[in-house]
N, C-alpha and C. Protein backbone atom coordinates (compact mmCIF):
# COMPACT_ATOMS: atom_id res chain seq x y z
N MET A 1 34.93 173.78 -95.27
CA MET A 1 35.54 172.71 -94.47
C MET A 1 34.68 171.45 -94.50
N ASN A 2 33.33 171.63 -94.50
CA ASN A 2 32.44 170.48 -94.46
C ASN A 2 32.63 169.56 -95.66
N VAL A 3 32.86 170.14 -96.83
CA VAL A 3 33.00 169.31 -98.02
C VAL A 3 34.23 168.42 -97.91
N LEU A 4 35.28 168.88 -97.24
CA LEU A 4 36.48 168.06 -97.05
C LEU A 4 36.22 166.95 -96.04
N LEU A 5 35.64 167.30 -94.90
CA LEU A 5 35.40 166.31 -93.85
C LEU A 5 34.35 165.28 -94.27
N ASP A 6 33.32 165.73 -94.97
CA ASP A 6 32.26 164.82 -95.38
C ASP A 6 32.70 163.85 -96.47
N HIS A 7 33.70 164.24 -97.23
CA HIS A 7 34.15 163.40 -98.35
C HIS A 7 35.65 163.16 -98.28
N LEU A 8 36.15 162.96 -97.08
CA LEU A 8 37.58 162.73 -96.90
C LEU A 8 38.08 161.49 -97.64
N PRO A 9 37.32 160.37 -97.65
CA PRO A 9 37.81 159.20 -98.42
C PRO A 9 37.98 159.50 -99.91
N GLU A 10 37.06 160.29 -100.49
CA GLU A 10 37.19 160.63 -101.91
C GLU A 10 38.41 161.51 -102.16
N PHE A 11 38.62 162.50 -101.27
CA PHE A 11 39.79 163.36 -101.41
C PHE A 11 41.08 162.56 -101.24
N ARG A 12 41.08 161.63 -100.27
CA ARG A 12 42.27 160.81 -100.06
C ARG A 12 42.55 159.94 -101.28
N GLU A 13 41.51 159.34 -101.83
CA GLU A 13 41.70 158.50 -103.02
C GLU A 13 42.20 159.34 -104.20
N GLY A 14 41.64 160.53 -104.36
CA GLY A 14 42.10 161.40 -105.45
C GLY A 14 43.53 161.84 -105.26
N PHE A 15 43.90 162.17 -104.01
CA PHE A 15 45.27 162.60 -103.72
C PHE A 15 46.26 161.47 -104.01
N LEU A 16 45.94 160.27 -103.54
CA LEU A 16 46.82 159.12 -103.80
C LEU A 16 46.87 158.79 -105.28
N GLY A 17 45.74 158.97 -105.98
CA GLY A 17 45.72 158.73 -107.42
C GLY A 17 46.62 159.70 -108.17
N THR A 18 46.60 160.98 -107.75
CA THR A 18 47.47 161.97 -108.37
C THR A 18 48.93 161.64 -108.10
N LEU A 19 49.23 161.23 -106.86
CA LEU A 19 50.60 160.83 -106.54
C LEU A 19 51.05 159.65 -107.41
N ALA A 20 50.17 158.68 -107.58
CA ALA A 20 50.53 157.48 -108.33
C ALA A 20 50.77 157.79 -109.80
N ILE A 21 49.86 158.54 -110.42
CA ILE A 21 50.01 158.84 -111.85
C ILE A 21 51.20 159.75 -112.09
N THR A 22 51.47 160.67 -111.14
CA THR A 22 52.62 161.55 -111.27
C THR A 22 53.92 160.78 -111.15
N ALA A 23 54.01 159.91 -110.14
CA ALA A 23 55.24 159.15 -109.92
C ALA A 23 55.52 158.20 -111.08
N ALA A 24 54.49 157.47 -111.52
CA ALA A 24 54.69 156.51 -112.61
C ALA A 24 55.08 157.22 -113.90
N SER A 25 54.41 158.33 -114.20
CA SER A 25 54.71 159.08 -115.42
C SER A 25 56.10 159.70 -115.34
N ALA A 26 56.50 160.15 -114.15
CA ALA A 26 57.83 160.75 -113.99
C ALA A 26 58.93 159.73 -114.24
N VAL A 27 58.75 158.52 -113.73
CA VAL A 27 59.75 157.46 -113.97
C VAL A 27 59.85 157.15 -115.45
N LEU A 28 58.69 157.00 -116.12
CA LEU A 28 58.69 156.72 -117.55
C LEU A 28 59.33 157.86 -118.33
N ALA A 29 58.99 159.10 -117.97
CA ALA A 29 59.54 160.27 -118.67
C ALA A 29 61.05 160.37 -118.48
N LEU A 30 61.53 160.05 -117.27
CA LEU A 30 62.95 160.13 -116.99
C LEU A 30 63.73 159.09 -117.80
N VAL A 31 63.21 157.85 -117.82
CA VAL A 31 63.89 156.79 -118.57
C VAL A 31 63.91 157.10 -120.06
N LEU A 32 62.73 157.45 -120.60
CA LEU A 32 62.66 157.77 -122.03
C LEU A 32 63.46 159.02 -122.36
N GLY A 33 63.39 160.03 -121.48
CA GLY A 33 64.10 161.28 -121.74
C GLY A 33 65.60 161.08 -121.84
N ILE A 34 66.16 160.31 -120.91
CA ILE A 34 67.61 160.04 -120.95
C ILE A 34 67.97 159.23 -122.19
N LEU A 35 67.13 158.24 -122.52
CA LEU A 35 67.38 157.41 -123.71
C LEU A 35 67.35 158.25 -124.99
N ILE A 36 66.32 159.09 -125.12
CA ILE A 36 66.20 159.92 -126.32
C ILE A 36 67.30 160.96 -126.38
N ALA A 37 67.72 161.49 -125.22
CA ALA A 37 68.84 162.43 -125.20
C ALA A 37 70.11 161.75 -125.71
N GLY A 38 70.29 160.48 -125.32
CA GLY A 38 71.43 159.72 -125.86
C GLY A 38 71.35 159.56 -127.36
N PHE A 39 70.13 159.34 -127.87
CA PHE A 39 69.93 159.25 -129.31
C PHE A 39 70.31 160.58 -129.99
N ARG A 40 69.93 161.68 -129.37
CA ARG A 40 70.13 162.99 -129.99
C ARG A 40 71.60 163.38 -130.09
N VAL A 41 72.44 162.85 -129.21
CA VAL A 41 73.87 163.15 -129.29
C VAL A 41 74.66 161.96 -129.84
N SER A 42 73.96 160.97 -130.33
CA SER A 42 74.62 159.77 -130.85
C SER A 42 75.35 160.06 -132.16
N PRO A 43 76.46 159.36 -132.43
CA PRO A 43 77.14 159.52 -133.71
C PRO A 43 76.44 158.78 -134.86
N ILE A 44 75.37 158.04 -134.54
CA ILE A 44 74.65 157.26 -135.56
C ILE A 44 73.50 158.12 -136.11
N PRO A 45 73.53 158.50 -137.38
CA PRO A 45 72.51 159.41 -137.94
C PRO A 45 71.06 158.96 -137.76
N PRO A 46 70.70 157.67 -137.98
CA PRO A 46 69.30 157.27 -137.78
C PRO A 46 68.81 157.51 -136.35
N LEU A 47 69.69 157.26 -135.36
CA LEU A 47 69.29 157.50 -133.97
C LEU A 47 69.09 159.00 -133.71
N ARG A 48 69.98 159.81 -134.25
CA ARG A 48 69.81 161.26 -134.09
C ARG A 48 68.52 161.72 -134.73
N ALA A 49 68.20 161.18 -135.91
CA ALA A 49 66.97 161.57 -136.60
C ALA A 49 65.74 161.14 -135.80
N PHE A 50 65.79 159.93 -135.23
CA PHE A 50 64.67 159.46 -134.42
C PHE A 50 64.48 160.34 -133.19
N GLY A 51 65.58 160.68 -132.51
CA GLY A 51 65.50 161.53 -131.33
C GLY A 51 64.94 162.90 -131.65
N THR A 52 65.39 163.48 -132.75
CA THR A 52 64.89 164.79 -133.15
C THR A 52 63.40 164.74 -133.49
N ALA A 53 62.99 163.69 -134.20
CA ALA A 53 61.58 163.55 -134.56
C ALA A 53 60.71 163.36 -133.32
N TRP A 54 61.19 162.56 -132.37
CA TRP A 54 60.45 162.32 -131.11
C TRP A 54 60.19 163.63 -130.38
N VAL A 55 61.25 164.40 -130.19
CA VAL A 55 61.14 165.66 -129.44
C VAL A 55 60.26 166.66 -130.19
N THR A 56 60.50 166.80 -131.48
CA THR A 56 59.74 167.78 -132.28
C THR A 56 58.26 167.44 -132.29
N LEU A 57 57.95 166.18 -132.49
CA LEU A 57 56.54 165.76 -132.57
C LEU A 57 55.82 165.93 -131.24
N LEU A 58 56.41 165.43 -130.15
CA LEU A 58 55.73 165.44 -128.87
C LEU A 58 55.66 166.84 -128.25
N ARG A 59 56.70 167.64 -128.40
CA ARG A 59 56.68 168.98 -127.81
C ARG A 59 55.69 169.89 -128.52
N ASN A 60 55.36 169.59 -129.77
CA ASN A 60 54.47 170.45 -130.53
C ASN A 60 53.07 169.87 -130.69
N THR A 61 52.79 168.80 -129.94
CA THR A 61 51.46 168.20 -129.95
C THR A 61 50.76 168.51 -128.64
N PRO A 62 49.54 169.06 -128.66
CA PRO A 62 48.82 169.33 -127.40
C PRO A 62 48.66 168.06 -126.58
N LEU A 63 48.82 168.18 -125.27
CA LEU A 63 48.73 167.01 -124.40
C LEU A 63 47.34 166.38 -124.47
N THR A 64 46.31 167.19 -124.58
CA THR A 64 44.95 166.64 -124.69
C THR A 64 44.81 165.75 -125.91
N LEU A 65 45.43 166.15 -127.02
CA LEU A 65 45.38 165.32 -128.22
C LEU A 65 46.09 163.99 -128.01
N LEU A 66 47.20 164.01 -127.28
CA LEU A 66 47.90 162.76 -126.97
C LEU A 66 47.02 161.84 -126.13
N PHE A 67 46.27 162.43 -125.20
CA PHE A 67 45.35 161.62 -124.39
C PHE A 67 44.27 161.01 -125.27
N LEU A 68 43.75 161.78 -126.19
CA LEU A 68 42.71 161.25 -127.09
C LEU A 68 43.25 160.09 -127.92
N ILE A 69 44.48 160.23 -128.42
CA ILE A 69 45.10 159.15 -129.18
C ILE A 69 45.32 157.93 -128.29
N ALA A 70 45.82 158.18 -127.07
CA ALA A 70 46.12 157.08 -126.15
C ALA A 70 44.86 156.30 -125.78
N PHE A 71 43.75 156.99 -125.60
CA PHE A 71 42.54 156.33 -125.11
C PHE A 71 41.62 155.81 -126.22
N PHE A 72 41.65 156.43 -127.40
CA PHE A 72 40.69 156.04 -128.43
C PHE A 72 41.32 155.45 -129.68
N VAL A 73 42.64 155.49 -129.79
CA VAL A 73 43.31 154.92 -130.96
C VAL A 73 44.18 153.72 -130.56
N ILE A 74 45.05 153.91 -129.57
CA ILE A 74 45.97 152.85 -129.17
C ILE A 74 45.25 151.57 -128.75
N PRO A 75 44.21 151.64 -127.89
CA PRO A 75 43.54 150.39 -127.48
C PRO A 75 42.85 149.69 -128.65
N GLN A 76 42.37 150.46 -129.62
CA GLN A 76 41.65 149.86 -130.74
C GLN A 76 42.59 149.13 -131.69
N ILE A 77 43.84 149.60 -131.80
CA ILE A 77 44.76 149.06 -132.80
C ILE A 77 45.79 148.11 -132.19
N PHE A 78 46.37 148.51 -131.05
CA PHE A 78 47.53 147.78 -130.54
C PHE A 78 47.25 147.00 -129.26
N PHE A 79 46.71 147.67 -128.24
CA PHE A 79 46.60 147.03 -126.92
C PHE A 79 45.17 147.13 -126.39
N PRO A 80 44.26 146.31 -126.89
CA PRO A 80 42.89 146.36 -126.38
C PRO A 80 42.82 145.93 -124.92
N GLY A 81 41.97 146.58 -124.16
CA GLY A 81 41.78 146.23 -122.76
C GLY A 81 42.78 146.84 -121.82
N THR A 82 43.63 147.75 -122.31
CA THR A 82 44.61 148.40 -121.43
C THR A 82 43.89 149.30 -120.44
N SER A 83 44.34 149.31 -119.19
CA SER A 83 43.68 150.09 -118.15
C SER A 83 43.86 151.59 -118.39
N PRO A 84 42.89 152.40 -117.97
CA PRO A 84 43.01 153.85 -118.13
C PRO A 84 44.26 154.43 -117.46
N PHE A 85 44.65 153.85 -116.33
CA PHE A 85 45.84 154.34 -115.63
C PHE A 85 47.09 154.19 -116.50
N VAL A 86 47.24 153.03 -117.13
CA VAL A 86 48.41 152.78 -117.97
C VAL A 86 48.40 153.69 -119.20
N LEU A 87 47.23 153.88 -119.79
CA LEU A 87 47.12 154.75 -120.96
C LEU A 87 47.46 156.19 -120.60
N ALA A 88 46.96 156.64 -119.45
CA ALA A 88 47.27 158.01 -119.01
C ALA A 88 48.75 158.15 -118.69
N MET A 89 49.32 157.14 -118.05
CA MET A 89 50.75 157.17 -117.74
C MET A 89 51.57 157.25 -119.02
N GLY A 90 51.17 156.48 -120.04
CA GLY A 90 51.89 156.51 -121.31
C GLY A 90 51.84 157.87 -121.98
N ALA A 91 50.64 158.47 -122.00
CA ALA A 91 50.50 159.79 -122.62
C ALA A 91 51.32 160.84 -121.88
N LEU A 92 51.19 160.87 -120.56
CA LEU A 92 51.93 161.85 -119.76
C LEU A 92 53.43 161.61 -119.82
N GLY A 93 53.83 160.34 -119.71
CA GLY A 93 55.25 160.02 -119.71
C GLY A 93 55.93 160.34 -121.02
N CYS A 94 55.29 159.98 -122.13
CA CYS A 94 55.88 160.26 -123.44
C CYS A 94 55.95 161.76 -123.70
N TYR A 95 54.89 162.47 -123.36
CA TYR A 95 54.87 163.93 -123.57
C TYR A 95 55.99 164.59 -122.75
N THR A 96 56.09 164.23 -121.49
CA THR A 96 57.08 164.85 -120.60
C THR A 96 58.50 164.43 -120.97
N SER A 97 58.66 163.25 -121.56
CA SER A 97 60.00 162.77 -121.91
C SER A 97 60.67 163.69 -122.91
N SER A 98 59.89 164.35 -123.76
CA SER A 98 60.49 165.27 -124.73
C SER A 98 61.15 166.46 -124.03
N PHE A 99 60.53 166.93 -122.96
CA PHE A 99 61.11 168.04 -122.19
C PHE A 99 62.30 167.57 -121.35
N VAL A 100 62.19 166.36 -120.79
CA VAL A 100 63.31 165.80 -120.05
C VAL A 100 64.51 165.62 -120.98
N CYS A 101 64.25 165.15 -122.19
CA CYS A 101 65.31 164.94 -123.17
C CYS A 101 66.07 166.23 -123.43
N GLU A 102 65.36 167.33 -123.65
CA GLU A 102 66.03 168.59 -123.95
C GLU A 102 66.81 169.11 -122.74
N ALA A 103 66.29 168.88 -121.54
CA ALA A 103 67.02 169.29 -120.34
C ALA A 103 68.31 168.48 -120.20
N VAL A 104 68.21 167.17 -120.43
CA VAL A 104 69.40 166.32 -120.32
C VAL A 104 70.40 166.66 -121.42
N ARG A 105 69.90 166.90 -122.63
CA ARG A 105 70.81 167.24 -123.73
C ARG A 105 71.53 168.55 -123.46
N SER A 106 70.83 169.51 -122.87
CA SER A 106 71.47 170.77 -122.52
C SER A 106 72.56 170.54 -121.48
N GLY A 107 72.29 169.66 -120.52
CA GLY A 107 73.31 169.32 -119.53
C GLY A 107 74.51 168.64 -120.15
N ILE A 108 74.25 167.74 -121.11
CA ILE A 108 75.35 167.06 -121.80
C ILE A 108 76.23 168.07 -122.52
N ASN A 109 75.61 169.08 -123.11
CA ASN A 109 76.37 170.07 -123.87
C ASN A 109 77.26 170.94 -122.99
N THR A 110 76.99 170.95 -121.67
CA THR A 110 77.84 171.74 -120.78
C THR A 110 79.14 171.02 -120.40
N VAL A 111 79.18 169.71 -120.66
CA VAL A 111 80.39 168.94 -120.34
C VAL A 111 81.44 169.23 -121.41
N PRO A 112 82.66 169.59 -121.03
CA PRO A 112 83.70 169.89 -122.02
C PRO A 112 83.92 168.75 -123.01
N LEU A 113 84.11 169.09 -124.26
CA LEU A 113 84.29 168.08 -125.30
C LEU A 113 85.51 167.21 -125.04
N GLY A 114 86.50 167.78 -124.37
CA GLY A 114 87.71 167.02 -124.07
C GLY A 114 87.46 165.78 -123.23
N GLN A 115 86.38 165.80 -122.44
CA GLN A 115 86.05 164.63 -121.62
C GLN A 115 85.73 163.43 -122.50
N ALA A 116 84.92 163.66 -123.53
CA ALA A 116 84.56 162.57 -124.45
C ALA A 116 85.77 162.13 -125.26
N GLU A 117 86.58 163.07 -125.68
CA GLU A 117 87.77 162.73 -126.46
C GLU A 117 88.74 161.89 -125.63
N ALA A 118 88.89 162.26 -124.36
CA ALA A 118 89.77 161.48 -123.49
C ALA A 118 89.24 160.06 -123.29
N ALA A 119 87.91 159.94 -123.16
CA ALA A 119 87.31 158.61 -122.99
C ALA A 119 87.52 157.76 -124.24
N ARG A 120 87.37 158.38 -125.42
CA ARG A 120 87.59 157.63 -126.66
C ARG A 120 89.05 157.20 -126.80
N SER A 121 89.96 158.05 -126.34
CA SER A 121 91.38 157.70 -126.43
C SER A 121 91.70 156.50 -125.54
N LEU A 122 90.88 156.27 -124.52
CA LEU A 122 91.07 155.12 -123.64
C LEU A 122 90.38 153.87 -124.17
N GLY A 123 89.70 154.00 -125.32
CA GLY A 123 89.05 152.86 -125.93
C GLY A 123 87.61 152.65 -125.48
N MET A 124 87.02 153.61 -124.80
CA MET A 124 85.63 153.47 -124.34
C MET A 124 84.67 153.69 -125.51
N THR A 125 83.58 152.94 -125.52
CA THR A 125 82.56 153.11 -126.55
C THR A 125 81.71 154.34 -126.24
N PHE A 126 80.86 154.71 -127.20
CA PHE A 126 80.00 155.88 -127.00
C PHE A 126 79.07 155.69 -125.81
N SER A 127 78.45 154.50 -125.71
CA SER A 127 77.53 154.27 -124.60
C SER A 127 78.25 154.28 -123.26
N GLN A 128 79.46 153.73 -123.21
CA GLN A 128 80.24 153.75 -121.97
C GLN A 128 80.62 155.19 -121.60
N THR A 129 81.03 155.96 -122.59
CA THR A 129 81.40 157.36 -122.34
C THR A 129 80.21 158.14 -121.82
N LEU A 130 79.06 157.92 -122.45
CA LEU A 130 77.85 158.65 -122.04
C LEU A 130 77.44 158.27 -120.62
N ARG A 131 77.44 156.97 -120.34
CA ARG A 131 76.95 156.47 -119.05
C ARG A 131 77.91 156.76 -117.91
N MET A 132 79.20 156.63 -118.15
CA MET A 132 80.17 156.69 -117.07
C MET A 132 80.88 158.05 -116.93
N ILE A 133 80.91 158.82 -118.01
CA ILE A 133 81.66 160.07 -117.99
C ILE A 133 80.76 161.30 -118.13
N ILE A 134 79.93 161.30 -119.16
CA ILE A 134 79.17 162.51 -119.51
C ILE A 134 77.97 162.73 -118.59
N LEU A 135 77.11 161.73 -118.47
CA LEU A 135 75.89 161.91 -117.68
C LEU A 135 76.15 162.24 -116.21
N PRO A 136 77.12 161.58 -115.54
CA PRO A 136 77.37 161.96 -114.14
C PRO A 136 77.78 163.43 -113.99
N GLN A 137 78.55 163.96 -114.94
CA GLN A 137 78.95 165.36 -114.86
C GLN A 137 77.82 166.31 -115.23
N ALA A 138 76.91 165.85 -116.09
CA ALA A 138 75.80 166.70 -116.52
C ALA A 138 74.68 166.77 -115.48
N THR A 139 74.70 165.87 -114.50
CA THR A 139 73.59 165.78 -113.54
C THR A 139 73.36 167.08 -112.79
N ARG A 140 74.43 167.73 -112.35
CA ARG A 140 74.28 168.96 -111.57
C ARG A 140 73.55 170.03 -112.36
N THR A 141 73.82 170.11 -113.65
CA THR A 141 73.18 171.11 -114.50
C THR A 141 71.73 170.76 -114.79
N VAL A 142 71.42 169.47 -114.81
CA VAL A 142 70.09 169.01 -115.22
C VAL A 142 69.07 169.11 -114.09
N ILE A 143 69.51 169.04 -112.83
CA ILE A 143 68.59 168.98 -111.70
C ILE A 143 67.59 170.15 -111.66
N PRO A 144 68.02 171.42 -111.76
CA PRO A 144 67.05 172.53 -111.66
C PRO A 144 65.93 172.48 -112.72
N PRO A 145 66.25 172.29 -114.01
CA PRO A 145 65.14 172.23 -114.98
C PRO A 145 64.25 171.01 -114.79
N LEU A 146 64.80 169.89 -114.31
CA LEU A 146 63.97 168.72 -114.08
C LEU A 146 62.93 168.98 -113.00
N SER A 147 63.28 169.78 -111.99
CA SER A 147 62.32 170.14 -110.96
C SER A 147 61.10 170.83 -111.56
N SER A 148 61.34 171.80 -112.43
CA SER A 148 60.23 172.51 -113.08
C SER A 148 59.41 171.58 -113.98
N ILE A 149 60.10 170.67 -114.67
CA ILE A 149 59.41 169.76 -115.57
C ILE A 149 58.48 168.82 -114.80
N PHE A 150 58.93 168.30 -113.66
CA PHE A 150 58.10 167.37 -112.90
C PHE A 150 56.98 168.08 -112.16
N ILE A 151 57.19 169.34 -111.80
CA ILE A 151 56.09 170.13 -111.22
C ILE A 151 55.01 170.35 -112.28
N ALA A 152 55.44 170.66 -113.51
CA ALA A 152 54.48 170.80 -114.61
C ALA A 152 53.76 169.49 -114.88
N LEU A 153 54.47 168.37 -114.77
CA LEU A 153 53.85 167.06 -114.95
C LEU A 153 52.74 166.83 -113.92
N THR A 154 52.99 167.24 -112.68
CA THR A 154 51.97 167.09 -111.63
C THR A 154 50.70 167.81 -112.01
N LYS A 155 50.84 169.03 -112.50
CA LYS A 155 49.66 169.81 -112.88
C LYS A 155 49.01 169.25 -114.15
N ASN A 156 49.82 168.74 -115.06
CA ASN A 156 49.27 168.16 -116.29
C ASN A 156 48.48 166.88 -116.01
N SER A 157 48.78 166.23 -114.88
CA SER A 157 48.08 164.98 -114.56
C SER A 157 46.59 165.19 -114.35
N ALA A 158 46.16 166.45 -114.15
CA ALA A 158 44.74 166.73 -113.98
C ALA A 158 43.93 166.31 -115.20
N ILE A 159 44.58 166.29 -116.39
CA ILE A 159 43.86 165.89 -117.60
C ILE A 159 43.41 164.45 -117.50
N ALA A 160 44.16 163.63 -116.78
CA ALA A 160 43.80 162.21 -116.66
C ALA A 160 42.45 162.03 -116.00
N GLY A 161 42.05 162.99 -115.15
CA GLY A 161 40.75 162.88 -114.48
C GLY A 161 39.58 162.91 -115.43
N ALA A 162 39.78 163.48 -116.61
CA ALA A 162 38.70 163.52 -117.60
C ALA A 162 38.63 162.22 -118.39
N PHE A 163 39.54 161.28 -118.12
CA PHE A 163 39.58 160.02 -118.87
C PHE A 163 39.49 158.82 -117.92
N SER A 164 38.61 158.94 -116.93
CA SER A 164 38.27 157.82 -116.03
C SER A 164 39.42 157.37 -115.14
N VAL A 165 40.40 158.26 -114.90
CA VAL A 165 41.48 157.95 -113.97
C VAL A 165 41.17 158.65 -112.65
N SER A 166 41.23 157.91 -111.56
CA SER A 166 40.93 158.47 -110.25
C SER A 166 42.07 159.36 -109.78
N GLU A 167 41.84 160.65 -109.73
CA GLU A 167 42.82 161.61 -109.22
C GLU A 167 42.06 162.85 -108.76
N LEU A 168 42.77 163.91 -108.39
CA LEU A 168 42.13 165.06 -107.74
C LEU A 168 41.09 165.75 -108.63
N PHE A 169 41.38 165.87 -109.90
CA PHE A 169 40.43 166.55 -110.79
C PHE A 169 39.13 165.77 -110.89
N SER A 170 39.21 164.45 -110.92
CA SER A 170 37.98 163.64 -110.99
C SER A 170 37.14 163.82 -109.73
N VAL A 171 37.80 164.05 -108.58
CA VAL A 171 37.07 164.30 -107.34
C VAL A 171 36.31 165.62 -107.44
N SER A 172 36.93 166.65 -107.99
CA SER A 172 36.25 167.94 -108.13
C SER A 172 35.04 167.82 -109.02
N LYS A 173 35.15 167.04 -110.09
CA LYS A 173 34.00 166.85 -110.99
C LYS A 173 32.88 166.10 -110.29
N LEU A 174 33.25 165.06 -109.51
CA LEU A 174 32.25 164.27 -108.80
C LEU A 174 31.48 165.12 -107.80
N LEU A 175 32.18 165.91 -107.00
CA LEU A 175 31.53 166.70 -105.96
C LEU A 175 30.77 167.89 -106.52
N SER A 176 31.29 168.49 -107.59
CA SER A 176 30.55 169.61 -108.19
C SER A 176 29.25 169.13 -108.82
N ASP A 177 29.26 167.90 -109.35
CA ASP A 177 28.02 167.34 -109.90
C ASP A 177 26.98 167.08 -108.81
N LYS A 178 27.47 166.91 -107.56
CA LYS A 178 26.55 166.69 -106.45
C LYS A 178 26.03 168.00 -105.85
N GLY A 179 26.51 169.12 -106.38
CA GLY A 179 25.99 170.41 -105.95
C GLY A 179 26.79 171.11 -104.86
N TYR A 180 27.96 170.59 -104.53
CA TYR A 180 28.78 171.26 -103.51
C TYR A 180 29.39 172.54 -104.07
N PRO A 181 29.65 173.54 -103.23
CA PRO A 181 30.23 174.81 -103.70
C PRO A 181 31.57 174.58 -104.39
N ILE A 182 31.66 175.01 -105.64
CA ILE A 182 32.85 174.75 -106.43
C ILE A 182 34.08 175.45 -105.87
N ALA A 183 33.87 176.62 -105.23
CA ALA A 183 35.00 177.38 -104.69
C ALA A 183 35.71 176.59 -103.60
N TRP A 184 34.95 175.97 -102.68
CA TRP A 184 35.55 175.19 -101.61
C TRP A 184 36.23 173.94 -102.16
N ILE A 185 35.63 173.32 -103.15
CA ILE A 185 36.23 172.13 -103.76
C ILE A 185 37.59 172.47 -104.37
N PHE A 186 37.61 173.55 -105.15
CA PHE A 186 38.87 173.95 -105.80
C PHE A 186 39.91 174.40 -104.77
N LEU A 187 39.47 174.97 -103.66
CA LEU A 187 40.41 175.41 -102.63
C LEU A 187 41.17 174.21 -102.07
N TRP A 188 40.44 173.16 -101.68
CA TRP A 188 41.10 171.99 -101.10
C TRP A 188 41.95 171.24 -102.12
N ILE A 189 41.47 171.20 -103.35
CA ILE A 189 42.25 170.53 -104.39
C ILE A 189 43.51 171.32 -104.71
N ALA A 190 43.40 172.64 -104.74
CA ALA A 190 44.57 173.48 -104.97
C ALA A 190 45.61 173.29 -103.86
N LEU A 191 45.14 173.20 -102.63
CA LEU A 191 46.07 172.96 -101.51
C LEU A 191 46.75 171.60 -101.65
N ALA A 192 46.01 170.60 -102.11
CA ALA A 192 46.59 169.27 -102.30
C ALA A 192 47.69 169.31 -103.37
N TYR A 193 47.42 170.02 -104.46
CA TYR A 193 48.44 170.16 -105.51
C TYR A 193 49.66 170.92 -104.99
N LEU A 194 49.43 171.93 -104.15
CA LEU A 194 50.55 172.69 -103.58
C LEU A 194 51.42 171.79 -102.71
N VAL A 195 50.80 170.90 -101.94
CA VAL A 195 51.57 169.97 -101.11
C VAL A 195 52.49 169.11 -101.99
N ILE A 196 51.95 168.61 -103.09
CA ILE A 196 52.75 167.75 -103.97
C ILE A 196 53.87 168.54 -104.64
N THR A 197 53.53 169.71 -105.19
CA THR A 197 54.55 170.48 -105.92
C THR A 197 55.63 171.02 -104.99
N PHE A 198 55.24 171.45 -103.77
CA PHE A 198 56.25 171.92 -102.81
C PHE A 198 57.17 170.78 -102.39
N THR A 199 56.60 169.58 -102.26
CA THR A 199 57.43 168.42 -101.91
C THR A 199 58.44 168.11 -103.01
N ILE A 200 57.98 168.15 -104.26
CA ILE A 200 58.89 167.93 -105.39
C ILE A 200 59.99 168.98 -105.42
N SER A 201 59.58 170.24 -105.26
CA SER A 201 60.55 171.34 -105.28
C SER A 201 61.56 171.19 -104.15
N GLY A 202 61.10 170.86 -102.96
CA GLY A 202 61.99 170.69 -101.82
C GLY A 202 62.95 169.53 -102.02
N ALA A 203 62.45 168.43 -102.58
CA ALA A 203 63.31 167.26 -102.81
C ALA A 203 64.42 167.59 -103.81
N PHE A 204 64.08 168.33 -104.86
CA PHE A 204 65.10 168.67 -105.85
C PHE A 204 66.09 169.70 -105.30
N ARG A 205 65.62 170.62 -104.45
CA ARG A 205 66.55 171.57 -103.84
C ARG A 205 67.53 170.84 -102.92
N LEU A 206 67.02 169.85 -102.17
CA LEU A 206 67.89 169.06 -101.31
C LEU A 206 68.91 168.29 -102.14
N LEU A 207 68.46 167.70 -103.22
CA LEU A 207 69.37 166.96 -104.10
C LEU A 207 70.42 167.88 -104.70
N GLU A 208 69.99 169.08 -105.08
CA GLU A 208 70.92 170.03 -105.67
C GLU A 208 71.99 170.45 -104.66
N ARG A 209 71.58 170.67 -103.41
CA ARG A 209 72.55 171.05 -102.37
C ARG A 209 73.52 169.91 -102.09
N ARG A 210 73.03 168.68 -102.08
CA ARG A 210 73.91 167.54 -101.83
C ARG A 210 74.94 167.40 -102.95
N LEU A 211 74.54 167.64 -104.16
CA LEU A 211 75.48 167.56 -105.27
C LEU A 211 76.49 168.69 -105.23
N GLU A 212 76.07 169.87 -104.75
CA GLU A 212 77.00 170.99 -104.62
C GLU A 212 78.06 170.69 -103.56
N VAL A 213 77.64 170.05 -102.45
CA VAL A 213 78.59 169.68 -101.40
C VAL A 213 79.59 168.67 -101.93
N ALA A 214 79.08 167.76 -102.78
CA ALA A 214 79.97 166.72 -103.32
C ALA A 214 80.97 167.27 -104.33
N ARG A 215 80.74 168.50 -104.81
CA ARG A 215 81.60 169.05 -105.85
C ARG A 215 82.95 169.27 -105.33
């Protein structure tokens, strides 16, 4: 208990840092995931090829390697001086977007083909059909897997602590270097992660129930 009370500002900063990197990466992953899912079901072959390559490459690349590329390659070639937070958000968001894409694509595949055919018969374009007809119906199916994906994202954010991003893992490293008992440090950090993941899980369960009522 003493390690928590004596270093409450550090734990608070790490907790808020984990919340920030998780939320920012989740938004990026959701936007990219939906976009890439649209590419994967697009009637345009180059877009389908790009979507397939994106998912295949990112899902089969270790997240740590993506962090190394983001921090030691991207700033040197493209964006020098980029903050560690933005680089970590990019690595986490792009990696997670591949999983979001597959979840969204699976949801799209559950929508009857007749829905798209009816939309085309009304003169709607592919993007209009996807945005106004397909995605709203696929949402109910997509919610449960997205919950698991964002919980995994929360836990994956711990890697950012090894790359100068202030979050819970960086707090554990700081305090363990000062000689505090590692077991107590990990206990409080584990509880902090549980608070975040339970909140995400509860929010998605609430959203899922609201969508069921609307059915």
